[in-house]
Structure formats: structure tokens, C-alpha cells
Amino acid sequence: MLKEKQTSKNISINQDPKNNSKKIKKTAAKLNVTKETQTLPQESSNDLKIDLDLEADKLIAEANKVPEADIDLDDDDDNASVLSSAQEAAAKALASIKIGPKGVYTEDSIRVYLQEIGRIRLLRPDEEIELARKIADLLQLEEEAAQFESENGHFPSVKEWAVLADMPLARFRRRLMLGRRAKEKMVQSNLRLVVSIAKKYMNRGLSFQDLIQEGSLGLIRAAEKFDHEKGYKFSTYATWWIRQAITRAIADQSRTIRLPVHLYETISRIKKTTKVLSQEFGRKPTEEEIAESMEMTIEKLRFIAKSAQLPISLETPIGKEEDSRLGDFIEADIENPEQDVAKTLLREDLEGVLATLSPRERDVLRLRYGLDDGRMKTLEEIGQIFDVTRERIRQIEAKALRKLRHPNRNGVLKEYIKLN
């Protein structure tokens, strides 16, 4: 308004009609531009918000960049192996995701991560080839360093490493830096591929974030193994490594009791076969049908199915009010302390009573009733042990039992009969 008043005042001073008309048109044009500028934030607030987000993301990206000074190439004593730039970038990208209550990743954190990797430009085929060449140079240098370490027991210094590579120190540093940057760029430009593959393995025992992390490790491995001279794209090659890393992680980490990888793969094939047969028959297939389709025995199928069962906690709440636990309804396989003590006391008293018999009578009763090993022997077997007849063993047993029936001897043992 102030600008409009000031402009109208300037127009009224000039008395020339032609000049006034020209100035009026110019002023109107200026006013229109001013009005459009003032209304722009309201009409394109979303675009403005995106621009602000982009600026903020640029600042975050700058803050997360690894400065070259962190890799001290001049330190001759730095013999420790360091994570590559690509591994550091992947680790920092996931570490920047905030964790919500009880260690659960929030949806906002996932969205932020996906937005960050979505802004990274995809590579052209010629760029992939160029990066692959630089990575191959880096791997050659690392292979020479690994061989030096195995022979000398320590990682080579930068100067020693340059001597191994047979190149001047400055050229070696540049070659090493270009290789690490190429590996980092190759990995970062394909992180979206990791996410797209990880989505297919959700709800299999690992969180989405863990799947991305494991897939990123597979992507790093693919960048190291990629051969650009084969003629196929890097994404085609990397897909196999990402899938392998994710499936291996699921097999190793998704279960409380780890199963071998080959058994986990067999379980997956059984599930797929069951699903296919269900669609084909219109019902749930039988064990015989699944085993026949899988070309395995029913016993093996049952064993694998039993192995695939997930463990359940004994503290699992039972009932609507959840006032009971699963462990309350499971019969214990071991004896309680009272029963254990009672058996110990019974054995001690029984040994005391048997001590009042003669050695042969005591041995016959031990063998006849299995007091030592729990196996009761026949009269014939005991007779062979003592080299006497079956009838003689029967007489010794009867005599020993008559002695035990005397009140002076069996008084202690009667207490256990009353308790039972």
C-alpha cells in the first residue's frame, strides 16, 4: 500500500498526459509483478517446502561427508585396516536413522532414509564402466597389500604400499583415492536397488532396516566382484549378491535356534510347493502329495516340518485376562525337589536294611529287583552268575525276604509305604 501511494503521488506531479499514461502503464506492470511475488508462497507452498527440504538435505549430506583428512595417507605407522568409504557411507546412512521407543524404527526415519537415497542420481552405462575400472585398480592395490600382510605379519604403510604398486607416492595416493571414491559412488547410486529387493523379504524374521543393512553389504560385495568386460549392467549382477546376502541373513538371524542354510532353503521350497499344490487342487495338499512333488520321503518331510516350527516362550500369557502363563500348564520332565529328597532318603534307609543281611542274600536281592541298574533279573540269570541252580537262588531270596519282614528291620521302610 505504501508503494502504491508513493507511486500515485509521483504520477500526479507530472502534468503531461502522454507521459502520465506511459508511467501509469509502467507502474501497473510493476504492481502486477509485486502482487504475483507476494502471492507466490501461497500458490506454490509445496514447491517451496520441497526446496527447503532439499537445502536441509544438502546440509545433512555435507555434514555426513567423510573428509579426506580422516584417511591419513601420510601416516607410515597406520597399519590397521580401515573400512572402505562405501562401507562408511552405508553405515552412516543407516546410523542417521533415529530409533523410536523400545528400539523400534519410526516410519518417519524410514521415509527420511528413502528420500535421501532417492536423491542420488542413477549411473549411466558408461559411468558404470568407468567406475568399475577404478574399482578394479583399487582391488589390485588391496590384493597386493593383503599379500604383503600375510608375508610380513603387518599391513603395509603408505610408502611401502606405493613401492609394492611400483608407482610414485603422489600417483599412488591419487589412484587409491579415486578407487575408494568410485566404490563409494557405485554403492550409493544403487542403494535404491537394495530397498526394492529388501521389500520382497519383509515379514520373514528380520526388520526392514536389517534387510536393508544386509542387502547393502551384498551390494558392496557386488561392487568388488563386478566385471565390466562381461557386457551386462551392474544392477543385473548386483541383484544376485543382494539377494544372497539377505537370504543368508534371514537364515542366520531370523530364528532363535539357527538352522543350516540348506535346510532353510528346503523349508522355503516346501512352502512354495504347498502353495502351488493348494492352488492346483483347491484344497490343502496332504503330506504324501507334498513329498511326492518334492521327491522326498514322508519321514524327511515330517522332520523338516518339525524343524521349521518356531519356539514359543513359556512366559506367553494365556487367557483373556492373561493372568496365567503357558509354563503353568506344561508337565515338568524332572522331579520336584521334594521327590528327589524322598528318593535319596529311601535309598539310604534301604541300604541300611540290606546291610543286616549276608553278602550273598544282599547281592541276590539287588540283582533280583534291579536295585543297582533298574533291570530285574530272572532266577536263571542270577543262578548263572553265582554258578548255582535256579532253585538255590529261589531259596536264598525267600530266606532274605523273611528276614526283612521282621519288625526290627522293616520298621523304617514302612514309613515310606504310608507316605505313598
Protein backbone atom coordinates (compact mmCIF):
# COMPACT_ATOMS: atom_id res chain seq x y z
CA MET A 1 0.00 0.00 0.00
CA LEU A 2 2.80 2.38 0.82
CA LYS A 3 4.39 1.68 -2.52
CA GLU A 4 1.10 2.30 -4.33
CA LYS A 5 0.54 5.67 -2.59
CA GLN A 6 4.05 6.81 -3.31
CA THR A 7 3.70 5.86 -6.97
CA SER A 8 0.35 7.67 -7.38
CA LYS A 9 1.84 10.77 -5.82
CA ASN A 10 4.68 10.77 -8.34
CA ILE A 11 2.20 10.40 -11.21
CA SER A 12 0.09 13.38 -10.14
CA ILE A 13 3.09 15.69 -10.15
CA ASN A 14 3.67 15.21 -13.86
CA GLN A 15 1.04 17.19 -15.79
CA ASP A 16 1.89 15.80 -19.27
CA PRO A 17 -0.94 13.39 -20.28
CA LYS A 18 1.28 11.32 -22.60
CA ASN A 19 3.99 10.94 -20.02
CA ASN A 20 1.34 10.21 -17.41
CA SER A 21 -0.16 7.37 -19.48
CA LYS A 22 3.25 5.80 -20.07
CA LYS A 23 4.13 5.99 -16.39
CA ILE A 24 0.74 4.60 -15.41
CA LYS A 25 1.31 1.53 -17.62
CA LYS A 26 4.81 1.02 -16.20
CA THR A 27 3.52 1.40 -12.66
CA ALA A 28 0.69 -1.06 -13.28
CA ALA A 29 3.15 -3.60 -14.60
CA LYS A 30 5.32 -3.13 -11.51
CA LEU A 31 2.29 -3.53 -9.26
CA ASN A 32 1.32 -6.76 -11.03
CA VAL A 33 4.79 -8.15 -10.57
CA THR A 34 4.72 -7.18 -6.89
CA LYS A 35 1.34 -8.85 -6.36
CA GLU A 36 2.48 -12.04 -8.09
CA THR A 37 5.58 -12.10 -5.93
CA GLN A 38 3.52 -11.67 -2.78
CA THR A 39 1.08 -14.45 -3.66
CA LEU A 40 3.74 -16.90 -4.81
CA PRO A 41 4.27 -18.59 -1.42
CA GLN A 42 0.55 -19.26 -1.11
CA GLU A 43 0.17 -20.68 -4.62
CA SER A 44 3.30 -22.89 -4.52
CA SER A 45 3.84 -23.58 -0.84
CA ASN A 46 4.51 -27.25 -1.58
CA ASP A 47 7.26 -26.37 -4.04
CA LEU A 48 8.78 -24.01 -1.52
CA LYS A 49 8.68 -26.72 1.13
CA ILE A 50 10.43 -29.12 -1.23
CA ASP A 51 13.11 -26.54 -1.91
CA LEU A 52 13.65 -26.07 1.80
CA ASP A 53 13.85 -29.81 2.31
CA LEU A 54 16.40 -30.05 -0.46
CA GLU A 55 18.51 -27.34 1.12
CA ALA A 56 18.32 -29.06 4.50
CA ASP A 57 19.22 -32.38 2.94
CA LYS A 58 22.22 -30.78 1.25
CA LEU A 59 23.41 -29.57 4.62
CA ILE A 60 22.93 -33.03 6.11
CA ALA A 61 24.78 -34.59 3.20
CA GLU A 62 27.65 -32.16 3.67
CA ALA A 63 27.77 -32.93 7.39
CA ASN A 64 27.84 -36.67 6.71
CA LYS A 65 30.60 -36.47 4.11
CA VAL A 66 33.82 -38.16 5.18
CA PRO A 67 36.61 -35.58 4.96
CA GLU A 68 39.72 -36.68 3.17
CA ALA A 69 41.74 -35.87 6.27
CA ASP A 70 40.11 -38.83 8.03
CA ILE A 71 42.12 -41.15 5.77
CA ASP A 72 45.65 -40.29 6.77
CA LEU A 73 47.75 -41.39 3.83
CA ASP A 74 50.86 -39.76 5.28
CA ASP A 75 50.91 -41.84 8.46
CA ASP A 76 53.52 -44.53 7.93
CA ASP A 77 52.57 -46.28 11.18
CA ASP A 78 48.89 -46.61 10.35
CA ASN A 79 48.83 -50.34 9.67
CA ALA A 80 45.25 -51.02 10.77
CA SER A 81 42.82 -51.95 8.03
CA VAL A 82 40.12 -49.31 7.63
CA LEU A 83 36.57 -49.67 6.38
CA SER A 84 36.20 -48.52 2.82
CA SER A 85 34.42 -45.27 2.08
CA ALA A 86 31.47 -47.17 0.67
CA GLN A 87 31.03 -49.15 3.89
CA GLU A 88 31.32 -45.98 5.95
CA ALA A 89 28.75 -44.23 3.78
CA ALA A 90 26.27 -47.09 4.05
CA ALA A 91 26.83 -47.36 7.81
CA LYS A 92 26.39 -43.62 8.32
CA ALA A 93 23.24 -43.52 6.20
CA LEU A 94 21.61 -46.20 8.35
CA ALA A 95 23.07 -44.86 11.60
CA SER A 96 21.46 -41.50 10.89
CA ILE A 97 18.02 -43.11 11.13
CA LYS A 98 16.55 -42.26 14.51
CA ILE A 99 15.19 -45.01 16.71
CA GLY A 100 11.87 -44.66 18.45
CA PRO A 101 10.69 -46.11 21.78
CA LYS A 102 11.95 -49.60 22.69
CA GLY A 103 14.41 -49.56 19.79
CA VAL A 104 11.76 -49.56 17.04
CA TYR A 105 12.49 -47.63 13.88
CA THR A 106 9.87 -45.00 13.19
CA GLU A 107 8.11 -44.58 9.85
CA ASP A 108 9.50 -41.07 9.58
CA SER A 109 13.05 -42.37 9.86
CA ILE A 110 12.43 -44.86 7.05
CA ARG A 111 10.89 -42.14 4.91
CA VAL A 112 13.86 -39.86 5.51
CA TYR A 113 16.30 -42.60 4.52
CA LEU A 114 14.37 -43.43 1.37
CA GLN A 115 14.25 -39.75 0.43
CA GLU A 116 18.00 -39.44 0.93
CA ILE A 117 18.89 -42.35 -1.32
CA GLY A 118 16.20 -41.31 -3.81
CA ARG A 119 18.00 -38.06 -4.49
CA ILE A 120 21.15 -39.87 -5.63
CA ARG A 121 21.32 -39.93 -9.42
CA LEU A 122 21.44 -43.27 -11.18
CA LEU A 123 24.53 -44.10 -13.19
CA ARG A 124 24.77 -44.25 -16.95
CA PRO A 125 26.28 -47.36 -18.55
CA ASP A 126 29.47 -45.52 -19.47
CA GLU A 127 29.77 -44.24 -15.88
CA GLU A 128 29.39 -47.78 -14.53
CA ILE A 129 32.23 -48.97 -16.77
CA GLU A 130 34.49 -46.11 -15.72
CA LEU A 131 33.78 -46.68 -12.02
CA ALA A 132 34.29 -50.42 -12.41
CA ARG A 133 37.73 -49.82 -13.89
CA LYS A 134 38.74 -47.63 -10.97
CA ILE A 135 37.39 -50.18 -8.50
CA ALA A 136 39.41 -52.89 -10.26
CA ASP A 137 42.52 -50.77 -9.77
CA LEU A 138 41.63 -50.38 -6.08
CA LEU A 139 41.15 -54.13 -5.65
CA GLN A 140 44.52 -54.79 -7.25
CA LEU A 141 46.15 -52.45 -4.74
CA GLU A 142 44.30 -54.07 -1.83
CA GLU A 143 45.29 -57.54 -3.04
CA GLU A 144 48.95 -56.52 -3.05
CA ALA A 145 48.57 -55.11 0.46
CA ALA A 146 46.88 -58.30 1.69
CA GLN A 147 49.69 -60.43 0.26
CA PHE A 148 52.25 -58.19 1.96
CA GLU A 149 50.39 -58.56 5.27
CA SER A 150 50.30 -62.36 5.03
CA GLU A 151 54.04 -62.49 4.34
CA ASN A 152 55.21 -59.88 6.86
CA GLY A 153 52.56 -60.07 9.57
CA HIS A 154 51.54 -56.40 9.36
CA PHE A 155 49.66 -54.12 6.99
CA PRO A 156 51.98 -52.06 4.76
CA SER A 157 52.44 -48.36 5.32
CA VAL A 158 51.53 -45.96 2.55
CA LYS A 159 55.11 -45.70 1.35
CA GLU A 160 55.54 -49.47 1.41
CA TRP A 161 52.25 -49.84 -0.38
CA ALA A 162 53.39 -47.41 -3.11
CA VAL A 163 56.59 -49.42 -3.54
CA LEU A 164 54.54 -52.60 -3.92
CA ALA A 165 52.43 -50.90 -6.59
CA ASP A 166 55.62 -49.72 -8.33
CA MET A 167 54.48 -46.12 -8.70
CA PRO A 168 55.37 -42.72 -7.23
CA LEU A 169 53.80 -41.87 -3.89
CA ALA A 170 51.69 -38.98 -5.26
CA ARG A 171 50.34 -41.10 -8.10
CA PHE A 172 49.62 -43.96 -5.72
CA ARG A 173 47.65 -41.69 -3.38
CA ARG A 174 45.57 -40.38 -6.24
CA ARG A 175 44.89 -43.86 -7.58
CA LEU A 176 43.86 -45.08 -4.12
CA MET A 177 41.61 -42.06 -3.57
CA LEU A 178 39.93 -42.41 -6.98
CA GLY A 179 39.32 -46.11 -6.37
CA ARG A 180 37.70 -45.54 -2.99
CA ARG A 181 35.55 -42.72 -4.32
CA ALA A 182 34.49 -44.86 -7.28
CA LYS A 183 33.47 -47.70 -4.98
CA GLU A 184 31.54 -45.30 -2.78
CA LYS A 185 29.72 -43.78 -5.75
CA MET A 186 28.90 -47.18 -7.23
CA VAL A 187 27.35 -48.33 -3.95
CA GLN A 188 25.47 -45.12 -3.16
CA SER A 189 23.99 -44.92 -6.66
CA ASN A 190 22.45 -48.40 -6.30
CA LEU A 191 21.06 -48.25 -2.76
CA ARG A 192 17.55 -47.98 -4.23
CA LEU A 193 18.07 -51.44 -5.72
CA VAL A 194 18.72 -52.78 -2.22
CA VAL A 195 15.44 -51.30 -0.95
CA SER A 196 13.42 -52.72 -3.84
CA ILE A 197 14.80 -56.22 -3.21
CA ALA A 198 14.52 -55.97 0.59
CA LYS A 199 10.78 -55.24 0.29
CA LYS A 200 10.23 -58.74 -1.11
CA TYR A 201 11.70 -60.35 2.03
CA MET A 202 9.73 -58.47 4.67
CA ASN A 203 7.96 -60.34 7.49
CA ARG A 204 10.44 -63.21 7.46
CA GLY A 205 12.01 -62.66 10.85
CA LEU A 206 14.15 -59.57 10.19
CA SER A 207 13.11 -55.94 10.29
CA PHE A 208 13.08 -53.85 7.13
CA GLN A 209 16.10 -51.90 8.35
CA ASP A 210 18.10 -55.07 8.97
CA LEU A 211 17.23 -56.30 5.49
CA ILE A 212 18.49 -53.03 4.01
CA GLN A 213 21.68 -53.26 6.04
CA GLU A 214 22.40 -56.82 4.95
CA GLY A 215 21.50 -56.03 1.36
CA SER A 216 23.90 -53.08 1.42
CA LEU A 217 26.70 -55.44 2.44
CA GLY A 218 25.82 -57.61 -0.54
CA LEU A 219 25.87 -54.52 -2.76
CA ILE A 220 29.38 -53.67 -1.53
CA ARG A 221 30.46 -57.21 -2.34
CA ALA A 222 28.94 -56.89 -5.82
CA ALA A 223 30.86 -53.66 -6.43
CA GLU A 224 34.07 -55.51 -5.60
CA LYS A 225 33.32 -58.54 -7.80
CA PHE A 226 31.75 -56.78 -10.82
CA ASP A 227 33.48 -57.40 -14.14
CA HIS A 228 32.52 -54.69 -16.62
CA GLU A 229 34.04 -56.62 -19.52
CA LYS A 230 31.23 -59.22 -19.40
CA GLY A 231 28.83 -56.76 -21.01
CA TYR A 232 25.89 -56.81 -18.56
CA LYS A 233 24.71 -53.99 -16.32
CA PHE A 234 25.87 -53.67 -12.75
CA SER A 235 22.32 -53.78 -11.37
CA THR A 236 21.75 -57.17 -13.01
CA TYR A 237 24.89 -58.54 -11.41
CA ALA A 238 24.34 -56.87 -8.02
CA THR A 239 20.82 -58.28 -7.68
CA TRP A 240 22.21 -61.78 -7.12
CA TRP A 241 24.64 -60.66 -4.41
CA ILE A 242 21.99 -58.59 -2.64
CA ARG A 243 19.54 -61.49 -2.61
CA GLN A 244 22.20 -63.87 -1.35
CA ALA A 245 23.20 -61.52 1.47
CA ILE A 246 19.57 -61.03 2.54
CA THR A 247 18.61 -64.72 2.40
CA ARG A 248 21.74 -65.75 4.31
CA ALA A 249 21.00 -63.14 6.98
CA ILE A 250 17.43 -64.39 7.32
CA ALA A 251 18.69 -67.96 7.68
CA ASP A 252 21.30 -66.99 10.27
CA GLN A 253 19.49 -64.37 12.33
CA SER A 254 15.72 -64.74 11.99
CA ARG A 255 15.34 -67.78 14.28
CA THR A 256 16.18 -68.32 17.94
CA ILE A 257 17.61 -71.73 17.02
CA ARG A 258 19.71 -71.41 13.90
CA LEU A 259 19.04 -73.81 11.06
CA PRO A 260 21.58 -74.71 8.35
CA VAL A 261 21.22 -72.66 5.19
CA HIS A 262 20.41 -75.70 3.03
CA LEU A 263 17.64 -76.73 5.44
CA TYR A 264 16.20 -73.21 5.43
CA GLU A 265 16.17 -73.27 1.62
CA THR A 266 14.38 -76.62 1.69
CA ILE A 267 11.76 -75.19 4.05
CA SER A 268 11.19 -72.31 1.63
CA ARG A 269 10.74 -74.77 -1.26
CA ILE A 270 8.25 -76.80 0.79
CA LYS A 271 6.21 -73.66 1.46
CA LYS A 272 6.20 -72.74 -2.23
CA THR A 273 5.25 -76.27 -3.23
CA THR A 274 2.42 -76.32 -0.68
CA LYS A 275 1.10 -73.03 -2.05
CA VAL A 276 1.24 -74.24 -5.66
CA LEU A 277 -0.50 -77.53 -4.85
CA SER A 278 -3.19 -75.71 -2.85
CA GLN A 279 -3.99 -73.56 -5.88
CA GLU A 280 -3.94 -76.58 -8.16
CA PHE A 281 -6.14 -78.86 -6.03
CA GLY A 282 -8.32 -76.19 -4.44
CA ARG A 283 -7.56 -77.63 -1.01
CA LYS A 284 -4.67 -78.15 1.37
CA PRO A 285 -2.37 -80.87 0.00
CA THR A 286 -1.58 -83.97 2.02
CA GLU A 287 1.89 -84.92 3.23
CA GLU A 288 2.09 -87.66 0.61
CA GLU A 289 1.30 -85.22 -2.21
CA ILE A 290 3.88 -82.70 -1.00
CA ALA A 291 6.54 -85.39 -0.53
CA GLU A 292 5.87 -86.80 -4.00
CA SER A 293 6.11 -83.35 -5.57
CA MET A 294 9.34 -82.61 -3.66
CA GLU A 295 10.74 -86.09 -4.46
CA MET A 296 11.50 -86.87 -0.83
CA THR A 297 10.28 -89.37 1.75
CA ILE A 298 7.43 -88.58 4.13
CA GLU A 299 9.76 -89.14 7.10
CA LYS A 300 12.17 -86.49 5.81
CA LEU A 301 9.29 -84.11 5.10
CA ARG A 302 7.97 -84.51 8.65
CA PHE A 303 11.44 -84.00 10.12
CA ILE A 304 11.92 -80.77 8.15
CA ALA A 305 8.43 -79.55 9.06
CA LYS A 306 9.14 -80.20 12.73
CA SER A 307 12.46 -78.36 12.46
CA ALA A 308 10.67 -75.37 10.93
CA GLN A 309 8.49 -74.87 14.00
CA LEU A 310 9.30 -71.68 15.86
CA PRO A 311 9.95 -71.86 19.61
CA ILE A 312 7.47 -70.26 21.97
CA SER A 313 8.18 -68.71 25.33
CA LEU A 314 6.90 -70.41 28.49
CA GLU A 315 6.02 -66.92 29.70
CA THR A 316 3.43 -66.45 26.94
CA PRO A 317 0.19 -65.13 28.53
CA ILE A 318 -2.81 -67.48 28.41
CA GLY A 319 -6.47 -66.49 28.60
CA LYS A 320 -8.35 -63.25 28.11
CA GLU A 321 -7.14 -61.76 31.36
CA GLU A 322 -3.60 -63.01 30.69
CA ASP A 323 -3.20 -63.96 34.35
CA SER A 324 -1.66 -67.35 33.51
CA ARG A 325 1.45 -68.40 31.65
CA LEU A 326 1.99 -71.26 29.22
CA GLY A 327 4.55 -72.80 31.55
CA ASP A 328 1.87 -73.29 34.21
CA PHE A 329 0.13 -75.93 32.04
CA ILE A 330 3.18 -77.95 30.97
CA GLU A 331 4.10 -81.02 32.97
CA ALA A 332 7.66 -80.93 34.21
CA ASP A 333 10.03 -83.59 32.87
CA ILE A 334 12.14 -83.55 36.02
CA GLU A 335 11.21 -84.38 39.60
CA ASN A 336 10.50 -81.66 42.07
CA PRO A 337 12.92 -81.19 44.99
CA GLU A 338 10.64 -82.98 47.48
CA GLN A 339 10.54 -86.16 45.38
CA ASP A 340 14.28 -86.04 44.84
CA VAL A 341 14.95 -85.78 48.58
CA ALA A 342 12.48 -88.58 49.35
CA LYS A 343 14.22 -90.93 46.90
CA THR A 344 17.62 -90.13 48.37
CA LEU A 345 16.42 -90.86 51.90
CA LEU A 346 14.71 -94.08 50.78
CA ARG A 347 17.91 -95.37 49.18
CA GLU A 348 19.92 -94.57 52.31
CA ASP A 349 17.45 -96.41 54.57
CA LEU A 350 17.22 -99.33 52.14
CA GLU A 351 21.00 -99.68 52.11
CA GLY A 352 20.94 -99.71 55.91
CA VAL A 353 18.36 -102.52 55.98
CA LEU A 354 20.22 -104.59 53.36
CA ALA A 355 23.40 -104.26 55.40
CA THR A 356 21.80 -106.53 58.05
CA LEU A 357 21.71 -109.43 55.54
CA SER A 358 24.53 -111.71 54.49
CA PRO A 359 26.59 -110.64 51.46
CA ARG A 360 25.08 -113.36 49.20
CA GLU A 361 21.50 -112.56 50.28
CA ARG A 362 22.14 -108.87 49.71
CA ASP A 363 23.59 -109.47 46.23
CA VAL A 364 20.72 -111.76 45.22
CA LEU A 365 18.10 -109.18 46.19
CA ARG A 366 20.00 -106.44 44.35
CA LEU A 367 20.05 -108.49 41.14
CA ARG A 368 16.51 -109.85 41.53
CA TYR A 369 14.86 -106.43 41.97
CA GLY A 370 17.28 -104.29 39.94
CA LEU A 371 18.34 -102.08 42.82
CA ASP A 372 21.60 -101.12 41.07
CA ASP A 373 20.80 -100.72 37.36
CA GLY A 374 16.98 -100.81 37.37
CA ARG A 375 16.83 -104.14 35.47
CA MET A 376 15.24 -107.09 37.27
CA LYS A 377 16.98 -110.41 36.51
CA THR A 378 15.39 -113.84 36.44
CA LEU A 379 16.30 -116.68 38.82
CA GLU A 380 18.03 -118.46 35.93
CA GLU A 381 20.24 -115.44 35.16
CA ILE A 382 21.21 -115.00 38.81
CA GLY A 383 21.96 -118.72 39.12
CA GLN A 384 24.37 -118.50 36.21
CA ILE A 385 26.14 -115.56 37.86
CA PHE A 386 26.67 -117.47 41.15
CA ASP A 387 27.11 -120.83 39.39
CA VAL A 388 24.24 -122.45 41.30
CA THR A 389 20.85 -123.80 40.37
CA ARG A 390 17.73 -121.76 39.86
CA GLU A 391 16.11 -123.40 42.89
CA ARG A 392 19.01 -122.45 45.15
CA ILE A 393 18.63 -118.79 44.19
CA ARG A 394 14.90 -119.00 44.97
CA GLN A 395 15.69 -120.35 48.44
CA ILE A 396 18.20 -117.58 49.14
CA GLU A 397 15.68 -114.95 48.01
CA ALA A 398 12.91 -116.38 50.20
CA LYS A 399 15.19 -116.50 53.25
CA ALA A 400 16.29 -112.89 52.74
CA LEU A 401 12.70 -111.66 52.39
CA ARG A 402 11.70 -113.45 55.61
CA LYS A 403 14.45 -111.62 57.44
CA LEU A 404 13.32 -108.27 56.01
CA ARG A 405 9.75 -108.86 57.17
CA HIS A 406 10.90 -108.82 60.78
CA PRO A 407 9.61 -105.69 62.57
CA ASN A 408 13.09 -104.78 63.74
CA ARG A 409 14.20 -104.44 60.13
CA ASN A 410 11.21 -103.16 58.15
CA GLY A 411 10.01 -100.55 60.60
CA VAL A 412 11.89 -97.78 58.82
CA LEU A 413 10.68 -98.82 55.35
CA LYS A 414 7.01 -98.91 56.42
CA GLU A 415 7.09 -95.13 56.79
CA TYR A 416 7.68 -94.79 53.04
CA ILE A 417 4.78 -97.13 52.29
CA LYS A 418 2.47 -94.94 54.36
CA LEU A 419 3.65 -91.81 52.56
CA ASN A 420 2.93 -93.33 49.16
